Amino acid sequence: MITALILTGLLAHRHEDAWTLKMPYEKGKKVVWTSKIHATADGMDHDATMDLVLTPGDTAPGGRKVNYAWEKLELDGNPVQIPATYDVIMDDTGVVQDKTGTDEDEIRRYASIYSFSYPKDPVKVGDKWKVEVTPKASGAQKITYTFEVKEATKVKDKDVLKITSVETEAGSSGIHNEGTWYVNHDGAIVKFKLDVTNWVVPFAGSQAAVNAVIEGETQSK
């Protein structure tokens, strides 16, 4: 009897330690990624701040259409007006899968670094999962994402899981992105940091690869 009670207690404790993280995106409900960016391109350093506004749309083959838009962009302390708005296809776990319509595939590659994969099963510290994306665009390279739960901690008095990720795009000039995500019980990304090499930024007026560190937080509106 005592042994059974101990086992029941251990199993209950394990269950409490596991988090069920559900993707919080709803059609038409904006999620604002407020970001600080330090980037190097063409041998020059730049600092920027911006809001990247994600707006989920209708369902589409492979997931749903999601619109991204740049707002409140400042580059090296100066306001900049760039009409950057674009759609991608995001799967049901939060990973960018493909471009839409006739858009350039660089848009999908640009947006790929903001992919956080919500796990299908409850997770706890030490758990890992992997996602592979094979885009449909001609010549597009496969992207592999790996995620690992590092610890349960707090950000601004909110209970969160600290989850690290590595994004690797195949090819000698593929994107490499090391991410740190702080996700609360509601699935919201409270805080994030991305360390990216060989990134593409199609709206920046240069075809040069960009290395960048991006830090920020998200907020639903």
N, C-alpha and C. Protein backbone atom coordinates (compact mmCIF):
# COMPACT_ATOMS: atom_id res chain seq x y z
N MET A 1 0.84 -1.21 0.00
CA MET A 1 0.00 0.00 0.00
C MET A 1 0.87 1.25 0.00
N ILE A 2 1.88 1.27 0.86
CA ILE A 2 2.77 2.43 0.93
C ILE A 2 3.53 2.61 -0.39
N THR A 3 3.99 1.45 -0.92
CA THR A 3 4.71 1.51 -2.21
C THR A 3 3.83 2.08 -3.30
N ALA A 4 2.58 1.67 -3.34
CA ALA A 4 1.64 2.17 -4.36
C ALA A 4 1.43 3.66 -4.21
N LEU A 5 1.33 4.14 -2.98
CA LEU A 5 1.15 5.58 -2.75
C LEU A 5 2.37 6.37 -3.21
N ILE A 6 3.57 5.82 -2.94
CA ILE A 6 4.80 6.50 -3.37
C ILE A 6 4.87 6.59 -4.88
N LEU A 7 4.54 5.47 -5.57
CA LEU A 7 4.57 5.47 -7.03
C LEU A 7 3.55 6.44 -7.60
N THR A 8 2.37 6.47 -6.99
CA THR A 8 1.34 7.41 -7.46
C THR A 8 1.82 8.85 -7.31
N GLY A 9 2.48 9.14 -6.19
CA GLY A 9 3.00 10.49 -5.97
C GLY A 9 4.07 10.86 -6.96
N LEU A 10 4.94 9.91 -7.27
CA LEU A 10 6.01 10.17 -8.25
C LEU A 10 5.43 10.44 -9.62
N LEU A 11 4.45 9.63 -10.03
CA LEU A 11 3.83 9.82 -11.34
C LEU A 11 3.10 11.15 -11.42
N ALA A 12 2.43 11.52 -10.34
CA ALA A 12 1.73 12.82 -10.32
C ALA A 12 2.72 13.95 -10.42
N HIS A 13 3.86 13.83 -9.73
CA HIS A 13 4.88 14.87 -9.78
C HIS A 13 5.43 15.01 -11.20
N ARG A 14 5.67 13.86 -11.86
CA ARG A 14 6.17 13.92 -13.24
C ARG A 14 5.16 14.60 -14.15
N HIS A 15 3.86 14.29 -13.92
CA HIS A 15 2.83 14.90 -14.75
C HIS A 15 2.80 16.41 -14.56
N GLU A 16 2.97 16.87 -13.30
CA GLU A 16 2.96 18.31 -13.04
C GLU A 16 4.16 19.00 -13.70
N ASP A 17 5.28 18.28 -13.79
CA ASP A 17 6.48 18.87 -14.39
C ASP A 17 6.35 19.06 -15.90
N ALA A 18 5.49 18.29 -16.54
CA ALA A 18 5.33 18.36 -17.99
C ALA A 18 4.40 19.51 -18.36
N TRP A 19 4.80 20.25 -19.39
CA TRP A 19 4.02 21.38 -19.87
C TRP A 19 3.39 21.03 -21.21
N THR A 20 2.13 21.39 -21.37
CA THR A 20 1.47 21.28 -22.67
C THR A 20 1.47 22.66 -23.32
N LEU A 21 2.28 22.81 -24.37
CA LEU A 21 2.44 24.10 -25.03
C LEU A 21 1.61 24.11 -26.31
N LYS A 22 0.60 24.93 -26.35
CA LYS A 22 -0.27 25.04 -27.53
C LYS A 22 0.01 26.34 -28.27
N MET A 23 0.05 26.26 -29.59
CA MET A 23 0.27 27.45 -30.39
C MET A 23 -0.88 28.44 -30.17
N PRO A 24 -0.58 29.68 -29.76
CA PRO A 24 -1.63 30.61 -29.38
C PRO A 24 -2.21 31.45 -30.52
N TYR A 25 -1.78 31.19 -31.76
CA TYR A 25 -2.18 32.05 -32.87
C TYR A 25 -3.64 31.79 -33.26
N GLU A 26 -4.40 32.88 -33.41
CA GLU A 26 -5.79 32.82 -33.84
C GLU A 26 -5.98 33.73 -35.04
N LYS A 27 -6.87 33.35 -35.93
CA LYS A 27 -7.11 34.12 -37.14
C LYS A 27 -7.44 35.57 -36.81
N GLY A 28 -6.68 36.49 -37.41
CA GLY A 28 -6.94 37.92 -37.26
C GLY A 28 -6.37 38.55 -36.00
N LYS A 29 -5.86 37.73 -35.06
CA LYS A 29 -5.32 38.26 -33.81
C LYS A 29 -3.83 38.50 -33.98
N LYS A 30 -3.43 39.75 -33.93
CA LYS A 30 -2.04 40.12 -34.20
C LYS A 30 -1.12 39.75 -33.04
N VAL A 31 0.08 39.32 -33.40
CA VAL A 31 1.13 39.09 -32.42
C VAL A 31 2.32 39.95 -32.83
N VAL A 32 2.75 40.84 -31.93
CA VAL A 32 3.80 41.81 -32.24
C VAL A 32 5.12 41.33 -31.63
N TRP A 33 6.11 41.13 -32.50
CA TRP A 33 7.46 40.77 -32.07
C TRP A 33 8.28 42.06 -32.01
N THR A 34 8.41 42.64 -30.81
CA THR A 34 9.20 43.86 -30.63
C THR A 34 10.67 43.47 -30.50
N SER A 35 11.50 44.00 -31.42
CA SER A 35 12.85 43.46 -31.56
C SER A 35 13.92 44.54 -31.58
N LYS A 36 15.08 44.17 -31.01
CA LYS A 36 16.32 44.93 -31.17
C LYS A 36 17.27 44.06 -31.99
N ILE A 37 17.87 44.64 -33.01
CA ILE A 37 18.69 43.87 -33.95
C ILE A 37 20.06 44.50 -34.09
N HIS A 38 21.10 43.71 -33.91
CA HIS A 38 22.45 44.14 -34.26
C HIS A 38 22.89 43.26 -35.42
N ALA A 39 23.17 43.88 -36.55
CA ALA A 39 23.43 43.12 -37.77
C ALA A 39 24.72 43.59 -38.46
N THR A 40 25.34 42.66 -39.16
CA THR A 40 26.51 42.96 -39.97
C THR A 40 26.23 42.49 -41.39
N ALA A 41 26.40 43.40 -42.36
CA ALA A 41 26.20 43.08 -43.77
C ALA A 41 27.14 43.94 -44.60
N ASP A 42 27.71 43.34 -45.63
CA ASP A 42 28.67 44.07 -46.48
C ASP A 42 29.80 44.70 -45.66
N GLY A 43 30.18 44.04 -44.57
CA GLY A 43 31.28 44.54 -43.74
C GLY A 43 30.93 45.70 -42.85
N MET A 44 29.66 46.06 -42.76
CA MET A 44 29.24 47.20 -41.95
C MET A 44 28.27 46.74 -40.86
N ASP A 45 28.41 47.37 -39.68
CA ASP A 45 27.53 47.06 -38.56
C ASP A 45 26.35 48.02 -38.52
N HIS A 46 25.21 47.49 -38.16
CA HIS A 46 24.00 48.32 -38.05
C HIS A 46 23.20 47.88 -36.82
N ASP A 47 22.50 48.85 -36.24
CA ASP A 47 21.58 48.56 -35.14
C ASP A 47 20.18 49.03 -35.54
N ALA A 48 19.21 48.20 -35.24
CA ALA A 48 17.83 48.54 -35.62
C ALA A 48 16.87 48.12 -34.52
N THR A 49 15.73 48.79 -34.50
CA THR A 49 14.60 48.37 -33.67
C THR A 49 13.38 48.32 -34.58
N MET A 50 12.46 47.41 -34.28
CA MET A 50 11.27 47.31 -35.12
C MET A 50 10.24 46.43 -34.43
N ASP A 51 9.00 46.54 -34.91
CA ASP A 51 7.94 45.61 -34.57
C ASP A 51 7.68 44.74 -35.80
N LEU A 52 7.80 43.45 -35.62
CA LEU A 52 7.41 42.51 -36.66
C LEU A 52 6.03 42.00 -36.29
N VAL A 53 5.03 42.34 -37.09
CA VAL A 53 3.64 42.05 -36.75
C VAL A 53 3.17 40.82 -37.51
N LEU A 54 2.81 39.78 -36.78
CA LEU A 54 2.33 38.52 -37.35
C LEU A 54 0.81 38.49 -37.24
N THR A 55 0.14 38.26 -38.37
CA THR A 55 -1.32 38.17 -38.37
C THR A 55 -1.74 36.86 -39.02
N PRO A 56 -2.24 35.89 -38.23
CA PRO A 56 -2.71 34.63 -38.81
C PRO A 56 -3.93 34.84 -39.69
N GLY A 57 -3.98 34.10 -40.79
CA GLY A 57 -5.10 34.23 -41.72
C GLY A 57 -5.84 32.92 -41.90
N ASP A 58 -6.33 32.71 -43.12
CA ASP A 58 -7.12 31.52 -43.42
C ASP A 58 -6.27 30.27 -43.51
N THR A 59 -6.92 29.13 -43.34
CA THR A 59 -6.23 27.86 -43.54
C THR A 59 -5.83 27.73 -45.01
N ALA A 60 -4.76 26.99 -45.24
CA ALA A 60 -4.24 26.79 -46.58
C ALA A 60 -3.59 25.41 -46.61
N PRO A 61 -3.36 24.85 -47.81
CA PRO A 61 -2.68 23.55 -47.87
C PRO A 61 -1.35 23.60 -47.12
N GLY A 62 -1.18 22.69 -46.18
CA GLY A 62 0.04 22.65 -45.39
C GLY A 62 -0.02 23.43 -44.09
N GLY A 63 -1.15 24.08 -43.82
CA GLY A 63 -1.27 24.84 -42.58
C GLY A 63 -2.21 26.02 -42.72
N ARG A 64 -1.66 27.22 -42.52
CA ARG A 64 -2.46 28.43 -42.69
C ARG A 64 -1.59 29.55 -43.22
N LYS A 65 -2.24 30.50 -43.87
CA LYS A 65 -1.53 31.67 -44.36
C LYS A 65 -1.30 32.64 -43.21
N VAL A 66 -0.09 33.18 -43.14
CA VAL A 66 0.27 34.13 -42.08
C VAL A 66 0.91 35.35 -42.73
N ASN A 67 0.45 36.53 -42.34
CA ASN A 67 1.03 37.76 -42.85
C ASN A 67 2.02 38.33 -41.85
N TYR A 68 3.17 38.76 -42.36
CA TYR A 68 4.15 39.49 -41.55
C TYR A 68 4.26 40.92 -42.10
N ALA A 69 4.44 41.87 -41.22
CA ALA A 69 4.62 43.27 -41.64
C ALA A 69 5.62 43.95 -40.71
N TRP A 70 6.46 44.80 -41.30
CA TRP A 70 7.40 45.60 -40.52
C TRP A 70 6.71 46.89 -40.09
N GLU A 71 6.85 47.26 -38.83
CA GLU A 71 6.33 48.53 -38.33
C GLU A 71 7.35 49.16 -37.39
N LYS A 72 7.31 50.48 -37.29
CA LYS A 72 8.15 51.26 -36.35
C LYS A 72 9.64 50.94 -36.52
N LEU A 73 10.08 50.83 -37.75
CA LEU A 73 11.48 50.50 -38.01
C LEU A 73 12.36 51.72 -37.84
N GLU A 74 13.43 51.57 -37.06
CA GLU A 74 14.49 52.57 -36.95
C GLU A 74 15.82 51.89 -37.23
N LEU A 75 16.60 52.47 -38.12
CA LEU A 75 17.90 51.92 -38.49
C LEU A 75 18.98 52.92 -38.11
N ASP A 76 19.88 52.50 -37.24
CA ASP A 76 20.96 53.36 -36.75
C ASP A 76 20.40 54.68 -36.21
N GLY A 77 19.26 54.58 -35.52
CA GLY A 77 18.66 55.73 -34.87
C GLY A 77 17.75 56.58 -35.72
N ASN A 78 17.58 56.21 -36.99
CA ASN A 78 16.76 57.00 -37.91
C ASN A 78 15.52 56.22 -38.34
N PRO A 79 14.34 56.86 -38.27
CA PRO A 79 13.12 56.19 -38.76
C PRO A 79 13.25 55.87 -40.25
N VAL A 80 12.79 54.68 -40.62
CA VAL A 80 12.88 54.23 -42.01
C VAL A 80 11.51 53.70 -42.43
N GLN A 81 11.07 54.11 -43.60
CA GLN A 81 9.81 53.63 -44.15
C GLN A 81 10.10 52.59 -45.24
N ILE A 82 9.86 51.33 -44.93
CA ILE A 82 10.02 50.26 -45.91
C ILE A 82 8.69 49.51 -45.98
N PRO A 83 8.06 49.48 -47.16
CA PRO A 83 6.75 48.80 -47.26
C PRO A 83 6.93 47.28 -47.30
N ALA A 84 7.35 46.72 -46.16
CA ALA A 84 7.63 45.29 -46.10
C ALA A 84 6.43 44.56 -45.49
N THR A 85 5.66 43.89 -46.33
CA THR A 85 4.57 43.04 -45.87
C THR A 85 4.50 41.85 -46.80
N TYR A 86 4.28 40.67 -46.24
CA TYR A 86 4.38 39.46 -47.06
C TYR A 86 3.64 38.33 -46.35
N ASP A 87 3.28 37.30 -47.13
CA ASP A 87 2.59 36.14 -46.60
C ASP A 87 3.46 34.89 -46.74
N VAL A 88 3.32 34.00 -45.77
CA VAL A 88 3.95 32.69 -45.84
C VAL A 88 2.94 31.65 -45.37
N ILE A 89 3.28 30.38 -45.60
CA ILE A 89 2.47 29.29 -45.09
C ILE A 89 3.15 28.75 -43.83
N MET A 90 2.40 28.73 -42.73
CA MET A 90 2.89 28.21 -41.45
C MET A 90 2.12 26.94 -41.12
N ASP A 91 2.83 25.90 -40.66
CA ASP A 91 2.13 24.67 -40.32
C ASP A 91 1.44 24.79 -38.96
N ASP A 92 0.78 23.71 -38.55
CA ASP A 92 -0.03 23.76 -37.33
C ASP A 92 0.80 23.76 -36.06
N THR A 93 2.14 23.66 -36.18
CA THR A 93 2.99 23.73 -34.99
C THR A 93 3.72 25.06 -34.87
N GLY A 94 3.61 25.93 -35.91
CA GLY A 94 4.26 27.24 -35.83
C GLY A 94 5.48 27.39 -36.70
N VAL A 95 5.77 26.41 -37.56
CA VAL A 95 6.98 26.44 -38.39
C VAL A 95 6.63 26.92 -39.80
N VAL A 96 7.40 27.90 -40.29
CA VAL A 96 7.21 28.41 -41.65
C VAL A 96 7.57 27.30 -42.65
N GLN A 97 6.64 27.01 -43.56
CA GLN A 97 6.83 25.91 -44.51
C GLN A 97 7.15 26.38 -45.92
N ASP A 98 6.44 27.41 -46.38
CA ASP A 98 6.57 27.81 -47.78
C ASP A 98 6.15 29.26 -47.97
N LYS A 99 6.51 29.77 -49.12
CA LYS A 99 6.03 31.07 -49.56
C LYS A 99 4.62 30.89 -50.11
N THR A 100 3.99 32.00 -50.47
CA THR A 100 2.68 31.94 -51.11
C THR A 100 2.76 32.61 -52.46
N GLY A 101 1.89 32.20 -53.37
CA GLY A 101 1.77 32.86 -54.67
C GLY A 101 3.08 32.97 -55.41
N THR A 102 3.33 34.16 -55.93
CA THR A 102 4.52 34.41 -56.76
C THR A 102 5.62 35.12 -55.99
N ASP A 103 5.49 35.22 -54.67
CA ASP A 103 6.52 35.89 -53.88
C ASP A 103 7.86 35.19 -54.05
N GLU A 104 8.93 35.96 -53.90
CA GLU A 104 10.27 35.39 -53.95
C GLU A 104 10.49 34.44 -52.77
N ASP A 105 11.23 33.36 -53.02
CA ASP A 105 11.45 32.39 -51.95
C ASP A 105 12.31 32.96 -50.83
N GLU A 106 13.04 34.04 -51.09
CA GLU A 106 13.83 34.68 -50.03
C GLU A 106 12.94 35.13 -48.88
N ILE A 107 11.68 35.41 -49.17
CA ILE A 107 10.76 35.82 -48.11
C ILE A 107 10.55 34.68 -47.13
N ARG A 108 10.36 33.48 -47.65
CA ARG A 108 10.24 32.31 -46.77
C ARG A 108 11.51 32.11 -45.96
N ARG A 109 12.66 32.25 -46.61
CA ARG A 109 13.93 32.06 -45.90
C ARG A 109 14.11 33.13 -44.82
N TYR A 110 13.74 34.36 -45.14
CA TYR A 110 13.81 35.43 -44.14
C TYR A 110 12.96 35.09 -42.93
N ALA A 111 11.72 34.65 -43.16
CA ALA A 111 10.78 34.41 -42.07
C ALA A 111 11.10 33.12 -41.31
N SER A 112 11.90 32.25 -41.89
CA SER A 112 12.13 30.93 -41.28
C SER A 112 12.74 31.03 -39.88
N ILE A 113 13.51 32.07 -39.62
CA ILE A 113 14.20 32.16 -38.32
C ILE A 113 13.23 32.41 -37.17
N TYR A 114 12.01 32.86 -37.49
CA TYR A 114 11.03 33.13 -36.45
C TYR A 114 10.15 31.91 -36.16
N SER A 115 10.55 30.75 -36.67
CA SER A 115 9.79 29.52 -36.46
C SER A 115 10.07 28.93 -35.08
N PHE A 116 9.04 28.85 -34.26
CA PHE A 116 9.12 28.10 -33.02
C PHE A 116 8.12 26.96 -33.12
N SER A 117 8.59 25.72 -33.00
CA SER A 117 7.74 24.55 -33.16
C SER A 117 7.12 24.16 -31.82
N TYR A 118 5.80 24.29 -31.74
CA TYR A 118 5.09 23.85 -30.54
C TYR A 118 4.99 22.32 -30.56
N PRO A 119 5.50 21.66 -29.52
CA PRO A 119 5.53 20.19 -29.51
C PRO A 119 4.12 19.60 -29.42
N LYS A 120 3.92 18.44 -30.04
CA LYS A 120 2.60 17.82 -30.05
C LYS A 120 2.27 17.18 -28.70
N ASP A 121 3.30 16.78 -27.95
CA ASP A 121 3.09 16.14 -26.66
C ASP A 121 3.59 17.04 -25.53
N PRO A 122 3.12 16.82 -24.31
CA PRO A 122 3.65 17.57 -23.16
C PRO A 122 5.16 17.38 -23.06
N VAL A 123 5.87 18.44 -22.61
CA VAL A 123 7.33 18.38 -22.52
C VAL A 123 7.79 18.81 -21.14
N LYS A 124 8.97 18.34 -20.77
CA LYS A 124 9.60 18.71 -19.51
C LYS A 124 11.08 18.94 -19.77
N VAL A 125 11.79 19.38 -18.75
CA VAL A 125 13.21 19.67 -18.88
C VAL A 125 13.95 18.43 -19.41
N GLY A 126 14.76 18.64 -20.43
CA GLY A 126 15.52 17.56 -21.04
C GLY A 126 14.91 17.01 -22.31
N ASP A 127 13.62 17.28 -22.55
CA ASP A 127 12.98 16.75 -23.75
C ASP A 127 13.48 17.47 -25.00
N LYS A 128 13.54 16.72 -26.11
CA LYS A 128 14.00 17.26 -27.39
C LYS A 128 13.02 16.85 -28.49
N TRP A 129 12.94 17.67 -29.54
CA TRP A 129 12.17 17.29 -30.72
C TRP A 129 12.79 17.94 -31.95
N LYS A 130 12.46 17.36 -33.11
CA LYS A 130 13.06 17.81 -34.36
C LYS A 130 11.98 18.00 -35.42
N VAL A 131 12.18 19.01 -36.26
CA VAL A 131 11.27 19.29 -37.37
C VAL A 131 12.11 19.46 -38.63
N GLU A 132 11.68 18.84 -39.73
CA GLU A 132 12.35 19.00 -41.02
C GLU A 132 11.38 19.61 -42.01
N VAL A 133 11.85 20.61 -42.74
CA VAL A 133 11.02 21.31 -43.72
C VAL A 133 11.67 21.17 -45.09
N THR A 134 10.88 20.70 -46.06
CA THR A 134 11.35 20.62 -47.45
C THR A 134 10.47 21.54 -48.29
N PRO A 135 10.90 22.77 -48.54
CA PRO A 135 10.08 23.74 -49.29
C PRO A 135 9.85 23.28 -50.72
N LYS A 136 8.76 23.77 -51.31
CA LYS A 136 8.40 23.38 -52.66
C LYS A 136 9.11 24.20 -53.73
N ALA A 137 9.62 25.36 -53.38
CA ALA A 137 10.24 26.24 -54.37
C ALA A 137 11.42 25.55 -55.05
N SER A 138 11.57 25.81 -56.33
CA SER A 138 12.67 25.21 -57.09
C SER A 138 14.02 25.62 -56.51
N GLY A 139 14.87 24.64 -56.24
CA GLY A 139 16.20 24.93 -55.71
C GLY A 139 16.27 25.19 -54.23
N ALA A 140 15.12 25.19 -53.55
CA ALA A 140 15.10 25.46 -52.11
C ALA A 140 15.75 24.31 -51.35
N GLN A 141 16.47 24.66 -50.29
CA GLN A 141 17.17 23.67 -49.49
C GLN A 141 16.35 23.26 -48.26
N LYS A 142 16.54 22.02 -47.85
CA LYS A 142 15.84 21.53 -46.66
C LYS A 142 16.35 22.27 -45.42
N ILE A 143 15.43 22.50 -44.48
CA ILE A 143 15.78 23.12 -43.20
C ILE A 143 15.44 22.13 -42.09
N THR A 144 16.37 21.98 -41.15
CA THR A 144 16.15 21.13 -39.99
C THR A 144 16.18 21.99 -38.73
N TYR A 145 15.17 21.82 -37.89
CA TYR A 145 15.10 22.51 -36.60
C TYR A 145 15.19 21.47 -35.49
N THR A 146 15.98 21.75 -34.47
CA THR A 146 15.98 20.92 -33.26
C THR A 146 15.69 21.82 -32.06
N PHE A 147 14.93 21.29 -31.13
CA PHE A 147 14.52 22.04 -29.93
C PHE A 147 14.81 21.22 -28.69
N GLU A 148 15.15 21.91 -27.60
CA GLU A 148 15.41 21.23 -26.33
C GLU A 148 14.96 22.11 -25.17
N VAL A 149 14.22 21.51 -24.23
CA VAL A 149 13.80 22.22 -23.03
C VAL A 149 14.97 22.23 -22.04
N LYS A 150 15.44 23.43 -21.70
CA LYS A 150 16.61 23.55 -20.84
C LYS A 150 16.27 23.67 -19.35
N GLU A 151 15.26 24.48 -19.04
CA GLU A 151 14.91 24.67 -17.64
C GLU A 151 13.56 25.36 -17.51
N ALA A 152 12.96 25.20 -16.33
CA ALA A 152 11.80 26.00 -15.95
C ALA A 152 12.31 27.18 -15.14
N THR A 153 11.88 28.39 -15.53
CA THR A 153 12.42 29.58 -14.87
C THR A 153 11.34 30.66 -14.86
N LYS A 154 11.73 31.89 -14.62
CA LYS A 154 10.79 33.01 -14.61
C LYS A 154 11.32 34.16 -15.46
N VAL A 155 10.42 34.86 -16.12
CA VAL A 155 10.73 36.10 -16.82
C VAL A 155 9.66 37.11 -16.42
N LYS A 156 10.08 38.18 -15.76
CA LYS A 156 9.15 39.20 -15.27
C LYS A 156 8.03 38.57 -14.44
N ASP A 157 8.43 37.69 -13.50
CA ASP A 157 7.51 37.03 -12.58
C ASP A 157 6.56 36.04 -13.27
N LYS A 158 6.80 35.73 -14.55
CA LYS A 158 5.98 34.74 -15.25
C LYS A 158 6.73 33.41 -15.32
N ASP A 159 6.04 32.33 -15.00
CA ASP A 159 6.63 31.01 -15.13
C ASP A 159 6.79 30.68 -16.62
N VAL A 160 7.98 30.28 -17.00
CA VAL A 160 8.26 29.98 -18.41
C VAL A 160 9.17 28.77 -18.51
N LEU A 161 9.16 28.15 -19.69
CA LEU A 161 10.18 27.18 -20.05
C LEU A 161 11.22 27.87 -20.93
N LYS A 162 12.47 27.65 -20.61
CA LYS A 162 13.56 28.11 -21.47
C LYS A 162 13.85 26.98 -22.46
N ILE A 163 13.68 27.27 -23.75
CA ILE A 163 13.85 26.27 -24.80
C ILE A 163 14.85 26.79 -25.81
N THR A 164 15.84 25.99 -26.12
CA THR A 164 16.83 26.38 -27.13
C THR A 164 16.51 25.68 -28.44
N SER A 165 16.98 26.28 -29.53
CA SER A 165 16.75 25.69 -30.85
C SER A 165 17.97 25.92 -31.74
N VAL A 166 18.10 25.05 -32.71
CA VAL A 166 19.10 25.23 -33.77
C VAL A 166 18.40 25.00 -35.11
N GLU A 167 18.49 25.99 -35.97
CA GLU A 167 17.97 25.88 -37.34
C GLU A 167 19.15 25.74 -38.28
N THR A 168 19.13 24.71 -39.11
CA THR A 168 20.21 24.49 -40.07
C THR A 168 19.62 24.30 -41.46
N GLU A 169 19.97 25.20 -42.36
CA GLU A 169 19.56 25.08 -43.76
C GLU A 169 20.69 24.39 -44.53
N ALA A 170 20.34 23.38 -45.31
CA ALA A 170 21.35 22.64 -46.07
C ALA A 170 22.05 23.56 -47.07
N GLY A 171 23.27 23.17 -47.47
CA GLY A 171 24.03 23.95 -48.44
C GLY A 171 25.13 24.75 -47.78
N SER A 172 26.16 25.07 -48.56
CA SER A 172 27.33 25.76 -48.01
C SER A 172 27.01 27.18 -47.55
N SER A 173 25.98 27.79 -48.10
CA SER A 173 25.61 29.16 -47.69
C SER A 173 24.26 29.18 -46.98
N GLY A 174 23.91 28.06 -46.36
CA GLY A 174 22.63 27.96 -45.69
C GLY A 174 22.55 28.78 -44.42
N ILE A 175 21.34 29.15 -44.06
CA ILE A 175 21.09 29.88 -42.82
C ILE A 175 21.39 28.98 -41.62
N HIS A 176 22.03 29.57 -40.62
CA HIS A 176 22.23 28.87 -39.34
C HIS A 176 21.72 29.81 -38.24
N ASN A 177 20.85 29.29 -37.41
CA ASN A 177 20.19 30.13 -36.42
C ASN A 177 20.11 29.40 -35.09
N GLU A 178 20.69 30.00 -34.05
CA GLU A 178 20.62 29.44 -32.71
C GLU A 178 19.68 30.31 -31.87
N GLY A 179 18.60 29.71 -31.42
CA GLY A 179 17.57 30.47 -30.74
C GLY A 179 17.42 30.10 -29.28
N THR A 180 16.96 31.06 -28.48
CA THR A 180 16.56 30.82 -27.10
C THR A 180 15.18 31.43 -26.92
N TRP A 181 14.24 30.62 -26.47
CA TRP A 181 12.84 31.02 -26.37
C TRP A 181 12.35 30.82 -24.93
N TYR A 182 11.60 31.78 -24.42
CA TYR A 182 11.01 31.68 -23.09
C TYR A 182 9.50 31.66 -23.29
N VAL A 183 8.88 30.51 -23.03
CA VAL A 183 7.48 30.28 -23.39
C VAL A 183 6.67 30.01 -22.13
N ASN A 184 5.54 30.72 -21.98
CA ASN A 184 4.73 30.54 -20.78
C ASN A 184 3.68 29.44 -20.97
N HIS A 185 2.87 29.21 -19.92
CA HIS A 185 1.89 28.12 -19.97
C HIS A 185 0.86 28.32 -21.07
N ASP A 186 0.60 29.56 -21.47
CA ASP A 186 -0.38 29.84 -22.52
C ASP A 186 0.20 29.67 -23.92
N GLY A 187 1.50 29.36 -24.01
CA GLY A 187 2.14 29.21 -25.31
C GLY A 187 2.73 30.50 -25.84
N ALA A 188 2.58 31.60 -25.12
CA ALA A 188 3.12 32.87 -25.59
C ALA A 188 4.63 32.90 -25.42
N ILE A 189 5.31 33.44 -26.42
CA ILE A 189 6.76 33.61 -26.36
C ILE A 189 7.03 34.92 -25.62
N VAL A 190 7.34 34.81 -24.35
CA VAL A 190 7.51 35.99 -23.50
C VAL A 190 8.78 36.76 -23.89
N LYS A 191 9.82 36.02 -24.29
CA LYS A 191 11.12 36.62 -24.60
C LYS A 191 11.84 35.69 -25.56
N PHE A 192 12.69 36.27 -26.42
CA PHE A 192 13.44 35.44 -27.36
C PHE A 192 14.77 36.08 -27.72
N LYS A 193 15.69 35.24 -28.16
CA LYS A 193 16.97 35.70 -28.70
C LYS A 193 17.36 34.78 -29.84
N LEU A 194 17.75 35.38 -30.97
CA LEU A 194 18.16 34.63 -32.16
C LEU A 194 19.54 35.09 -32.58
N ASP A 195 20.42 34.14 -32.82
CA ASP A 195 21.79 34.43 -33.28
C ASP A 195 21.93 33.78 -34.65
N VAL A 196 21.89 34.62 -35.70
CA VAL A 196 21.73 34.13 -37.07
C VAL A 196 22.96 34.43 -37.92
N THR A 197 23.37 33.46 -38.72
CA THR A 197 24.39 33.70 -39.75
C THR A 197 23.83 33.29 -41.11
N ASN A 198 24.32 33.97 -42.14
CA ASN A 198 23.87 33.74 -43.53
C ASN A 198 22.38 33.98 -43.71
N TRP A 199 21.85 34.94 -42.98
CA TRP A 199 20.44 35.30 -43.10
C TRP A 199 20.23 36.08 -44.39
N VAL A 200 19.01 36.05 -44.91
CA VAL A 200 18.65 36.87 -46.06
C VAL A 200 17.56 37.85 -45.64
N VAL A 201 17.73 39.12 -46.04
CA VAL A 201 16.76 40.16 -45.72
C VAL A 201 16.39 40.84 -47.04
N PRO A 202 15.36 40.32 -47.73
CA PRO A 202 15.08 40.77 -49.10
C PRO A 202 14.65 42.22 -49.22
N PHE A 203 14.26 42.87 -48.12
CA PHE A 203 13.79 44.25 -48.20
C PHE A 203 14.89 45.26 -47.90
N ALA A 204 16.10 44.78 -47.62
CA ALA A 204 17.16 45.66 -47.14
C ALA A 204 17.94 46.34 -48.26
N GLY A 205 17.65 45.99 -49.52
CA GLY A 205 18.33 46.64 -50.64
C GLY A 205 19.69 46.09 -50.95
N SER A 206 20.05 44.95 -50.33
CA SER A 206 21.34 44.33 -50.59
C SER A 206 21.14 42.83 -50.63
N GLN A 207 21.90 42.16 -51.49
CA GLN A 207 21.82 40.71 -51.60
C GLN A 207 22.83 40.02 -50.68
N ALA A 208 23.58 40.81 -49.93
CA ALA A 208 24.62 40.23 -49.08
C ALA A 208 24.00 39.44 -47.93
N ALA A 209 24.70 38.37 -47.54
CA ALA A 209 24.27 37.60 -46.37
C ALA A 209 24.40 38.48 -45.12
N VAL A 210 23.48 38.29 -44.20
CA VAL A 210 23.44 39.09 -42.98
C VAL A 210 23.68 38.19 -41.78
N ASN A 211 24.58 38.64 -40.91
CA ASN A 211 24.74 38.01 -39.60
C ASN A 211 24.10 38.93 -38.57
N ALA A 212 23.29 38.37 -37.69
CA ALA A 212 22.52 39.23 -36.79
C ALA A 212 22.24 38.56 -35.46
N VAL A 213 22.12 39.40 -34.44
CA VAL A 213 21.60 38.97 -33.14
C VAL A 213 20.31 39.76 -32.91
N ILE A 214 19.22 39.04 -32.69
CA ILE A 214 17.90 39.65 -32.54
C ILE A 214 17.36 39.28 -31.16
N GLU A 215 16.97 40.28 -30.39
CA GLU A 215 16.42 40.04 -29.07
C GLU A 215 15.11 40.80 -28.92
N GLY A 216 14.17 40.20 -28.19
CA GLY A 216 12.93 40.92 -28.00
C GLY A 216 11.89 40.11 -27.24
N GLU A 217 10.64 40.53 -27.38
CA GLU A 217 9.50 39.89 -26.72
C GLU A 217 8.30 40.00 -27.62
N THR A 218 7.26 39.22 -27.31
CA THR A 218 6.06 39.29 -28.12
C THR A 218 4.87 39.70 -27.27
N GLN A 219 3.87 40.23 -27.95
CA GLN A 219 2.65 40.66 -27.28
C GLN A 219 1.49 40.51 -28.23
N SER A 220 0.38 39.94 -27.76
CA SER A 220 -0.82 39.79 -28.58
C SER A 220 -1.65 41.05 -28.50
N LYS A 221 -2.28 41.40 -29.65
CA LYS A 221 -3.13 42.59 -29.70
C LYS A 221 -4.46 42.26 -30.37
